Amino acid sequence: MSKFSCISKLFDVELHYSIIEQWTVKTLGDNNFFKPTPLFKEYMILDLIEKNKNITQREISKTIGIAVSMVNDYLDDYEKKGLIKRKKHSSKTVEYFVTKNGKERIKVLNIGYLKASQNLYSSAKENIEQFLRQVEKNGFKNILLYGAGEVAEILLHTIQSSKTISINALAIIDDDSTKLSETIINLPIISLNQINQYNFDGILISSFKHHETIRNRLEFIGFPKSQIIKFFE
């Protein structure tokens, strides 16, 4: 790609945005996309107890995102089924123990969870691969991503793991200076004024929350619209 003479204009534009870095949801309480089913709650509660016998019902409630009263109901049910045992030291201090039957139940639920997760992942990955195949069909071979967050991580993982996609991702652009010099899946995070260091034929916007802002910024500095690849419309 030829040197990009309009790049200096970007410093006249004030851009405020942040991109979520982690794809993995740390707790179900933070997860607004998936709602746990009774089977998943059972798996999570038993797993939490096995990892920490001193865990409180409030901690379980916060982790899974359900009321404390519901946690108590579930624990009563699991105790009746012989999956757990409780040792009460006081009205506020209780130890929980997963029984042999409970450990076997965790294994069964774990297999079911992994199978369901794999099916969901495979379906989502196929949708992304279809998009990337179309990008490749449109003539894009070497690309930069714009937005160093979870969307970029998912796209890069799909590109690198796919056997049918030949797109080369070279680097990820981001306007957050604290991310510069870091990497995502071994690719460097760079600033917009560094793009002339790369021989690329398109920029793929890899941010949902700020995709319009990023597109407007690229157009403002004179970047060709035909070379802007939009994952989100």
C-alpha atoms as a PDB file:
ATOM      1  CA  MET A   1       0.000   0.000   0.000  1.00  0.00           C
ATOM      2  CA  SER A   2       1.253   3.510  -0.794  1.00  0.00           C
ATOM      3  CA  LYS A   3       2.138   5.911   2.010  1.00  0.00           C
ATOM      4  CA  PHE A   4      -0.933   7.351   3.573  1.00  0.00           C
ATOM      5  CA  SER A   5      -0.546  11.149   3.395  1.00  0.00           C
ATOM      6  CA  CYS A   6      -3.775  11.977   5.211  1.00  0.00           C
ATOM      7  CA  ILE A   7      -2.792  10.126   8.364  1.00  0.00           C
ATOM      8  CA  SER A   8      -1.868  13.287  10.265  1.00  0.00           C
ATOM      9  CA  LYS A   9      -5.514  14.404  10.290  1.00  0.00           C
ATOM     10  CA  LEU A  10      -6.362  11.776  12.878  1.00  0.00           C
ATOM     11  CA  PHE A  11      -4.725  13.817  15.644  1.00  0.00           C
ATOM     12  CA  ASP A  12      -7.329  16.591  15.119  1.00  0.00           C
ATOM     13  CA  VAL A  13     -10.127  14.229  16.054  1.00  0.00           C
ATOM     14  CA  GLU A  14     -10.927  13.404  19.662  1.00  0.00           C
ATOM     15  CA  LEU A  15     -12.031   9.817  20.024  1.00  0.00           C
ATOM     16  CA  HIS A  16     -13.273   8.405  23.303  1.00  0.00           C
ATOM     17  CA  TYR A  17     -13.941   4.689  23.483  1.00  0.00           C
ATOM     18  CA  SER A  18     -12.932   1.573  25.329  1.00  0.00           C
ATOM     19  CA  ILE A  19     -13.185  -2.060  24.208  1.00  0.00           C
ATOM     20  CA  ILE A  20     -13.798  -5.012  26.468  1.00  0.00           C
ATOM     21  CA  GLU A  21     -10.648  -7.121  26.562  1.00  0.00           C
ATOM     22  CA  GLN A  22     -11.775 -10.476  27.902  1.00  0.00           C
ATOM     23  CA  TRP A  23     -13.914 -12.874  25.908  1.00  0.00           C
ATOM     24  CA  THR A  24     -14.410 -15.277  28.811  1.00  0.00           C
ATOM     25  CA  VAL A  25     -17.221 -14.335  31.227  1.00  0.00           C
ATOM     26  CA  LYS A  26     -15.815 -14.560  34.738  1.00  0.00           C
ATOM     27  CA  THR A  27     -19.130 -15.061  36.529  1.00  0.00           C
ATOM     28  CA  LEU A  28     -22.665 -15.840  35.465  1.00  0.00           C
ATOM     29  CA  GLY A  29     -23.763 -12.766  37.364  1.00  0.00           C
ATOM     30  CA  ASP A  30     -21.918 -10.679  34.761  1.00  0.00           C
ATOM     31  CA  ASN A  31     -23.384 -12.625  31.866  1.00  0.00           C
ATOM     32  CA  ASN A  32     -26.384 -10.951  30.243  1.00  0.00           C
ATOM     33  CA  PHE A  33     -26.379 -13.238  27.200  1.00  0.00           C
ATOM     34  CA  PHE A  34     -26.771 -16.754  28.538  1.00  0.00           C
ATOM     35  CA  LYS A  35     -29.274 -17.575  31.256  1.00  0.00           C
ATOM     36  CA  PRO A  36     -28.442 -20.732  33.239  1.00  0.00           C
ATOM     37  CA  THR A  37     -30.848 -23.644  33.029  1.00  0.00           C
ATOM     38  CA  PRO A  38     -31.655 -25.794  36.122  1.00  0.00           C
ATOM     39  CA  LEU A  39     -29.141 -28.397  34.911  1.00  0.00           C
ATOM     40  CA  PHE A  40     -26.444 -25.769  34.515  1.00  0.00           C
ATOM     41  CA  LYS A  41     -27.231 -24.347  37.958  1.00  0.00           C
ATOM     42  CA  GLU A  42     -26.888 -27.835  39.410  1.00  0.00           C
ATOM     43  CA  TYR A  43     -23.541 -28.289  37.698  1.00  0.00           C
ATOM     44  CA  MET A  44     -22.281 -24.877  38.826  1.00  0.00           C
ATOM     45  CA  ILE A  45     -23.402 -25.256  42.448  1.00  0.00           C
ATOM     46  CA  LEU A  46     -21.895 -28.714  42.839  1.00  0.00           C
ATOM     47  CA  ASP A  47     -18.693 -27.581  41.153  1.00  0.00           C
ATOM     48  CA  LEU A  48     -18.420 -24.504  43.381  1.00  0.00           C
ATOM     49  CA  ILE A  49     -18.926 -26.596  46.508  1.00  0.00           C
ATOM     50  CA  GLU A  50     -16.351 -29.159  45.408  1.00  0.00           C
ATOM     51  CA  LYS A  51     -13.799 -26.384  44.923  1.00  0.00           C
ATOM     52  CA  ASN A  52     -14.608 -24.579  48.168  1.00  0.00           C
ATOM     53  CA  LYS A  53     -16.358 -26.417  50.995  1.00  0.00           C
ATOM     54  CA  ASN A  54     -16.652 -23.167  52.962  1.00  0.00           C
ATOM     55  CA  ILE A  55     -18.443 -21.235  50.237  1.00  0.00           C
ATOM     56  CA  THR A  56     -21.507 -19.318  51.420  1.00  0.00           C
ATOM     57  CA  GLN A  57     -24.954 -19.328  49.882  1.00  0.00           C
ATOM     58  CA  ARG A  58     -24.540 -15.618  49.179  1.00  0.00           C
ATOM     59  CA  GLU A  59     -21.337 -16.276  47.247  1.00  0.00           C
ATOM     60  CA  ILE A  60     -23.073 -18.992  45.240  1.00  0.00           C
ATOM     61  CA  SER A  61     -25.978 -16.615  44.617  1.00  0.00           C
ATOM     62  CA  LYS A  62     -23.674 -13.887  43.321  1.00  0.00           C
ATOM     63  CA  THR A  63     -21.674 -16.238  41.108  1.00  0.00           C
ATOM     64  CA  ILE A  64     -24.687 -17.830  39.443  1.00  0.00           C
ATOM     65  CA  GLY A  65     -26.969 -14.806  39.481  1.00  0.00           C
ATOM     66  CA  ILE A  66     -29.926 -16.201  41.412  1.00  0.00           C
ATOM     67  CA  ALA A  67     -31.593 -15.332  44.732  1.00  0.00           C
ATOM     68  CA  VAL A  68     -30.114 -16.666  47.972  1.00  0.00           C
ATOM     69  CA  SER A  69     -33.451 -18.293  48.793  1.00  0.00           C
ATOM     70  CA  MET A  70     -33.263 -20.269  45.545  1.00  0.00           C
ATOM     71  CA  VAL A  71     -29.748 -21.422  46.404  1.00  0.00           C
ATOM     72  CA  ASN A  72     -31.044 -22.773  49.711  1.00  0.00           C
ATOM     73  CA  ASP A  73     -33.844 -24.623  47.909  1.00  0.00           C
ATOM     74  CA  TYR A  74     -31.371 -26.173  45.483  1.00  0.00           C
ATOM     75  CA  LEU A  75     -29.070 -27.246  48.311  1.00  0.00           C
ATOM     76  CA  ASP A  76     -31.973 -28.862  50.176  1.00  0.00           C
ATOM     77  CA  ASP A  77     -32.874 -30.766  47.016  1.00  0.00           C
ATOM     78  CA  TYR A  78     -29.286 -31.900  46.378  1.00  0.00           C
ATOM     79  CA  GLU A  79     -28.949 -33.056  49.985  1.00  0.00           C
ATOM     80  CA  LYS A  80     -32.147 -35.126  49.691  1.00  0.00           C
ATOM     81  CA  LYS A  81     -30.773 -36.700  46.518  1.00  0.00           C
ATOM     82  CA  GLY A  82     -27.550 -37.611  48.291  1.00  0.00           C
ATOM     83  CA  LEU A  83     -25.363 -35.333  46.175  1.00  0.00           C
ATOM     84  CA  ILE A  84     -24.083 -33.204  49.074  1.00  0.00           C
ATOM     85  CA  LYS A  85     -23.784 -33.251  52.840  1.00  0.00           C
ATOM     86  CA  ARG A  86     -23.790 -30.274  55.185  1.00  0.00           C
ATOM     87  CA  LYS A  87     -21.918 -29.801  58.457  1.00  0.00           C
ATOM     88  CA  LYS A  88     -23.282 -26.895  60.484  1.00  0.00           C
ATOM     89  CA  HIS A  89     -20.848 -25.226  62.890  1.00  0.00           C
ATOM     90  CA  SER A  90     -23.259 -22.390  63.688  1.00  0.00           C
ATOM     91  CA  SER A  91     -26.302 -20.707  62.182  1.00  0.00           C
ATOM     92  CA  LYS A  92     -24.008 -18.758  59.870  1.00  0.00           C
ATOM     93  CA  THR A  93     -21.135 -21.174  59.346  1.00  0.00           C
ATOM     94  CA  VAL A  94     -21.722 -24.266  57.233  1.00  0.00           C
ATOM     95  CA  GLU A  95     -19.367 -26.635  55.481  1.00  0.00           C
ATOM     96  CA  TYR A  96     -20.541 -28.388  52.320  1.00  0.00           C
ATOM     97  CA  PHE A  97     -19.239 -31.718  51.064  1.00  0.00           C
ATOM     98  CA  VAL A  98     -19.883 -33.300  47.672  1.00  0.00           C
ATOM     99  CA  THR A  99     -20.634 -36.999  48.103  1.00  0.00           C
ATOM    100  CA  LYS A 100     -19.411 -39.830  45.879  1.00  0.00           C
ATOM    101  CA  ASN A 101     -22.743 -39.700  44.043  1.00  0.00           C
ATOM    102  CA  GLY A 102     -22.337 -35.951  43.760  1.00  0.00           C
ATOM    103  CA  LYS A 103     -18.902 -36.309  42.177  1.00  0.00           C
ATOM    104  CA  GLU A 104     -20.303 -38.754  39.626  1.00  0.00           C
ATOM    105  CA  ARG A 105     -23.149 -36.335  38.927  1.00  0.00           C
ATOM    106  CA  ILE A 106     -20.643 -33.535  38.274  1.00  0.00           C
ATOM    107  CA  LYS A 107     -18.886 -35.710  35.678  1.00  0.00           C
ATOM    108  CA  VAL A 108     -22.161 -36.423  33.873  1.00  0.00           C
ATOM    109  CA  LEU A 109     -23.212 -32.764  33.920  1.00  0.00           C
ATOM    110  CA  ASN A 110     -19.748 -31.677  32.814  1.00  0.00           C
ATOM    111  CA  ILE A 111     -19.900 -33.883  29.710  1.00  0.00           C
ATOM    112  CA  GLY A 112     -23.349 -32.522  28.861  1.00  0.00           C
ATOM    113  CA  TYR A 113     -22.194 -28.953  29.348  1.00  0.00           C
ATOM    114  CA  LEU A 114     -19.110 -29.405  27.171  1.00  0.00           C
ATOM    115  CA  LYS A 115     -21.149 -31.037  24.399  1.00  0.00           C
ATOM    116  CA  ALA A 116     -23.718 -28.232  24.392  1.00  0.00           C
ATOM    117  CA  SER A 117     -20.966 -25.593  24.486  1.00  0.00           C
ATOM    118  CA  GLN A 118     -19.140 -27.263  21.606  1.00  0.00           C
ATOM    119  CA  ASN A 119     -22.292 -27.326  19.482  1.00  0.00           C
ATOM    120  CA  LEU A 120     -22.905 -23.643  20.156  1.00  0.00           C
ATOM    121  CA  TYR A 121     -19.281 -22.759  19.473  1.00  0.00           C
ATOM    122  CA  SER A 122     -19.213 -24.709  16.211  1.00  0.00           C
ATOM    123  CA  SER A 123     -22.340 -22.962  14.959  1.00  0.00           C
ATOM    124  CA  ALA A 124     -21.030 -19.504  15.855  1.00  0.00           C
ATOM    125  CA  LYS A 125     -17.628 -20.239  14.325  1.00  0.00           C
ATOM    126  CA  GLU A 126     -19.219 -21.359  11.052  1.00  0.00           C
ATOM    127  CA  ASN A 127     -21.094 -18.046  10.786  1.00  0.00           C
ATOM    128  CA  ILE A 128     -17.839 -16.130  11.265  1.00  0.00           C
ATOM    129  CA  GLU A 129     -16.029 -18.339   8.757  1.00  0.00           C
ATOM    130  CA  GLN A 130     -18.736 -17.634   6.165  1.00  0.00           C
ATOM    131  CA  PHE A 131     -18.190 -13.908   6.659  1.00  0.00           C
ATOM    132  CA  LEU A 132     -14.404 -14.259   6.350  1.00  0.00           C
ATOM    133  CA  ARG A 133     -14.702 -16.411   3.225  1.00  0.00           C
ATOM    134  CA  GLN A 134     -16.770 -13.640   1.649  1.00  0.00           C
ATOM    135  CA  VAL A 135     -14.107 -11.105   2.670  1.00  0.00           C
ATOM    136  CA  GLU A 136     -11.490 -13.264   0.967  1.00  0.00           C
ATOM    137  CA  LYS A 137     -13.715 -13.672  -2.098  1.00  0.00           C
ATOM    138  CA  ASN A 138     -13.922  -9.868  -2.324  1.00  0.00           C
ATOM    139  CA  GLY A 139     -10.161  -9.766  -2.833  1.00  0.00           C
ATOM    140  CA  PHE A 140      -8.833  -9.069   0.647  1.00  0.00           C
ATOM    141  CA  LYS A 141      -5.773 -11.116   1.503  1.00  0.00           C
ATOM    142  CA  ASN A 142      -3.696  -9.139   4.007  1.00  0.00           C
ATOM    143  CA  ILE A 143      -5.702  -7.161   6.536  1.00  0.00           C
ATOM    144  CA  LEU A 144      -5.422  -5.092   9.680  1.00  0.00           C
ATOM    145  CA  LEU A 145      -8.049  -5.261  12.384  1.00  0.00           C
ATOM    146  CA  TYR A 146      -9.280  -2.095  14.098  1.00  0.00           C
ATOM    147  CA  GLY A 147     -10.343  -2.607  17.711  1.00  0.00           C
ATOM    148  CA  ALA A 148      -8.204  -4.631  20.114  1.00  0.00           C
ATOM    149  CA  GLY A 149     -10.873  -6.413  22.110  1.00  0.00           C
ATOM    150  CA  GLU A 150     -12.908  -9.571  22.310  1.00  0.00           C
ATOM    151  CA  VAL A 151     -14.240  -9.305  18.740  1.00  0.00           C
ATOM    152  CA  ALA A 152     -10.677  -9.141  17.397  1.00  0.00           C
ATOM    153  CA  GLU A 153      -9.693 -12.140  19.508  1.00  0.00           C
ATOM    154  CA  ILE A 154     -12.592 -14.206  18.157  1.00  0.00           C
ATOM    155  CA  LEU A 155     -11.884 -13.210  14.555  1.00  0.00           C
ATOM    156  CA  LEU A 156      -8.169 -13.954  14.897  1.00  0.00           C
ATOM    157  CA  HIS A 157      -8.807 -17.315  16.509  1.00  0.00           C
ATOM    158  CA  THR A 158     -11.159 -18.217  13.650  1.00  0.00           C
ATOM    159  CA  ILE A 159      -8.682 -17.073  10.993  1.00  0.00           C
ATOM    160  CA  GLN A 160      -5.790 -18.978  12.529  1.00  0.00           C
ATOM    161  CA  SER A 161      -7.698 -22.184  13.251  1.00  0.00           C
ATOM    162  CA  SER A 162      -9.618 -22.413   9.976  1.00  0.00           C
ATOM    163  CA  LYS A 163      -8.407 -24.800   7.268  1.00  0.00           C
ATOM    164  CA  THR A 164     -10.363 -23.018   4.525  1.00  0.00           C
ATOM    165  CA  ILE A 165      -9.475 -19.341   5.098  1.00  0.00           C
ATOM    166  CA  SER A 166      -6.253 -17.887   3.658  1.00  0.00           C
ATOM    167  CA  ILE A 167      -6.568 -14.353   5.028  1.00  0.00           C
ATOM    168  CA  ASN A 168      -3.476 -12.988   6.771  1.00  0.00           C
ATOM    169  CA  ALA A 169      -4.100 -10.710   9.755  1.00  0.00           C
ATOM    170  CA  LEU A 170      -1.032  -8.552  10.263  1.00  0.00           C
ATOM    171  CA  ALA A 171      -1.790  -6.391  13.319  1.00  0.00           C
ATOM    172  CA  ILE A 172      -4.584  -4.820  15.366  1.00  0.00           C
ATOM    173  CA  ILE A 173      -5.126  -1.067  15.461  1.00  0.00           C
ATOM    174  CA  ASP A 174      -6.369   0.534  18.670  1.00  0.00           C
ATOM    175  CA  ASP A 175      -6.674   4.100  19.949  1.00  0.00           C
ATOM    176  CA  ASP A 176      -6.119   3.180  23.583  1.00  0.00           C
ATOM    177  CA  SER A 177      -2.456   4.031  24.179  1.00  0.00           C
ATOM    178  CA  THR A 178      -2.288   1.668  27.178  1.00  0.00           C
ATOM    179  CA  LYS A 179      -2.755  -1.294  24.828  1.00  0.00           C
ATOM    180  CA  LEU A 180       0.077  -0.389  22.457  1.00  0.00           C
ATOM    181  CA  SER A 181       3.022  -2.809  22.469  1.00  0.00           C
ATOM    182  CA  GLU A 182       0.727  -5.561  23.756  1.00  0.00           C
ATOM    183  CA  THR A 183      -0.393  -8.505  21.617  1.00  0.00           C
ATOM    184  CA  ILE A 184      -3.526 -10.521  20.895  1.00  0.00           C
ATOM    185  CA  ILE A 185      -2.835 -14.077  19.745  1.00  0.00           C
ATOM    186  CA  ASN A 186       0.767 -13.080  18.927  1.00  0.00           C
ATOM    187  CA  LEU A 187      -0.240 -10.092  16.771  1.00  0.00           C
ATOM    188  CA  PRO A 188       0.936  -6.600  17.800  1.00  0.00           C
ATOM    189  CA  ILE A 189      -1.451  -3.833  18.809  1.00  0.00           C
ATOM    190  CA  ILE A 190      -0.514  -0.643  16.978  1.00  0.00           C
ATOM    191  CA  SER A 191      -1.730   2.945  16.687  1.00  0.00           C
ATOM    192  CA  LEU A 192      -3.435   4.235  13.566  1.00  0.00           C
ATOM    193  CA  ASN A 193      -0.386   6.282  12.582  1.00  0.00           C
ATOM    194  CA  GLN A 194       1.651   3.065  12.321  1.00  0.00           C
ATOM    195  CA  ILE A 195      -0.388   1.429   9.566  1.00  0.00           C
ATOM    196  CA  ASN A 196       2.017   2.576   6.839  1.00  0.00           C
ATOM    197  CA  GLN A 197       4.511   0.073   8.238  1.00  0.00           C
ATOM    198  CA  TYR A 198       2.333  -2.751   6.893  1.00  0.00           C
ATOM    199  CA  ASN A 199       1.546  -3.888   3.371  1.00  0.00           C
ATOM    200  CA  PHE A 200      -2.202  -4.506   3.613  1.00  0.00           C
ATOM    201  CA  ASP A 201      -5.245  -4.260   1.381  1.00  0.00           C
ATOM    202  CA  GLY A 202      -8.023  -3.640   3.889  1.00  0.00           C
ATOM    203  CA  ILE A 203      -8.977  -2.744   7.462  1.00  0.00           C
ATOM    204  CA  LEU A 204     -11.552  -4.930   9.193  1.00  0.00           C
ATOM    205  CA  ILE A 205     -13.436  -3.090  11.943  1.00  0.00           C
ATOM    206  CA  SER A 206     -13.390  -5.466  14.916  1.00  0.00           C
ATOM    207  CA  SER A 207     -15.506  -3.559  17.407  1.00  0.00           C
ATOM    208  CA  PHE A 208     -19.260  -3.699  17.905  1.00  0.00           C
ATOM    209  CA  LYS A 209     -19.743  -0.826  20.308  1.00  0.00           C
ATOM    210  CA  HIS A 210     -17.582   1.627  18.370  1.00  0.00           C
ATOM    211  CA  HIS A 211     -17.781   0.397  14.772  1.00  0.00           C
ATOM    212  CA  GLU A 212     -19.521   3.545  13.527  1.00  0.00           C
ATOM    213  CA  THR A 213     -17.012   5.812  15.286  1.00  0.00           C
ATOM    214  CA  ILE A 214     -14.112   3.864  13.811  1.00  0.00           C
ATOM    215  CA  ARG A 215     -15.613   3.909  10.316  1.00  0.00           C
ATOM    216  CA  ASN A 216     -16.191   7.659  10.546  1.00  0.00           C
ATOM    217  CA  ARG A 217     -12.647   8.189  11.721  1.00  0.00           C
ATOM    218  CA  LEU A 218     -11.173   6.225   8.828  1.00  0.00           C
ATOM    219  CA  GLU A 219     -13.309   8.118   6.333  1.00  0.00           C
ATOM    220  CA  PHE A 220     -12.345  11.452   7.918  1.00  0.00           C
ATOM    221  CA  ILE A 221      -8.630  10.844   7.400  1.00  0.00           C
ATOM    222  CA  GLY A 222      -9.290   9.879   3.797  1.00  0.00           C
ATOM    223  CA  PHE A 223      -8.965   6.121   4.009  1.00  0.00           C
ATOM    224  CA  PRO A 224     -10.703   4.565   0.960  1.00  0.00           C
ATOM    225  CA  LYS A 225     -14.220   3.351   1.762  1.00  0.00           C
ATOM    226  CA  SER A 226     -13.678   0.383  -0.539  1.00  0.00           C
ATOM    227  CA  GLN A 227     -10.953  -0.864   1.783  1.00  0.00           C
ATOM    228  CA  ILE A 228     -13.012  -0.656   4.966  1.00  0.00           C
ATOM    229  CA  ILE A 229     -14.399  -4.086   5.882  1.00  0.00           C
ATOM    230  CA  LYS A 230     -17.444  -3.989   8.150  1.00  0.00           C
ATOM    231  CA  PHE A 231     -18.224  -6.968  10.356  1.00  0.00           C
ATOM    232  CA  PHE A 232     -21.126  -5.068  11.931  1.00  0.00           C
ATOM    233  CA  GLU A 233     -23.475  -2.993   9.782  1.00  0.00           C
END
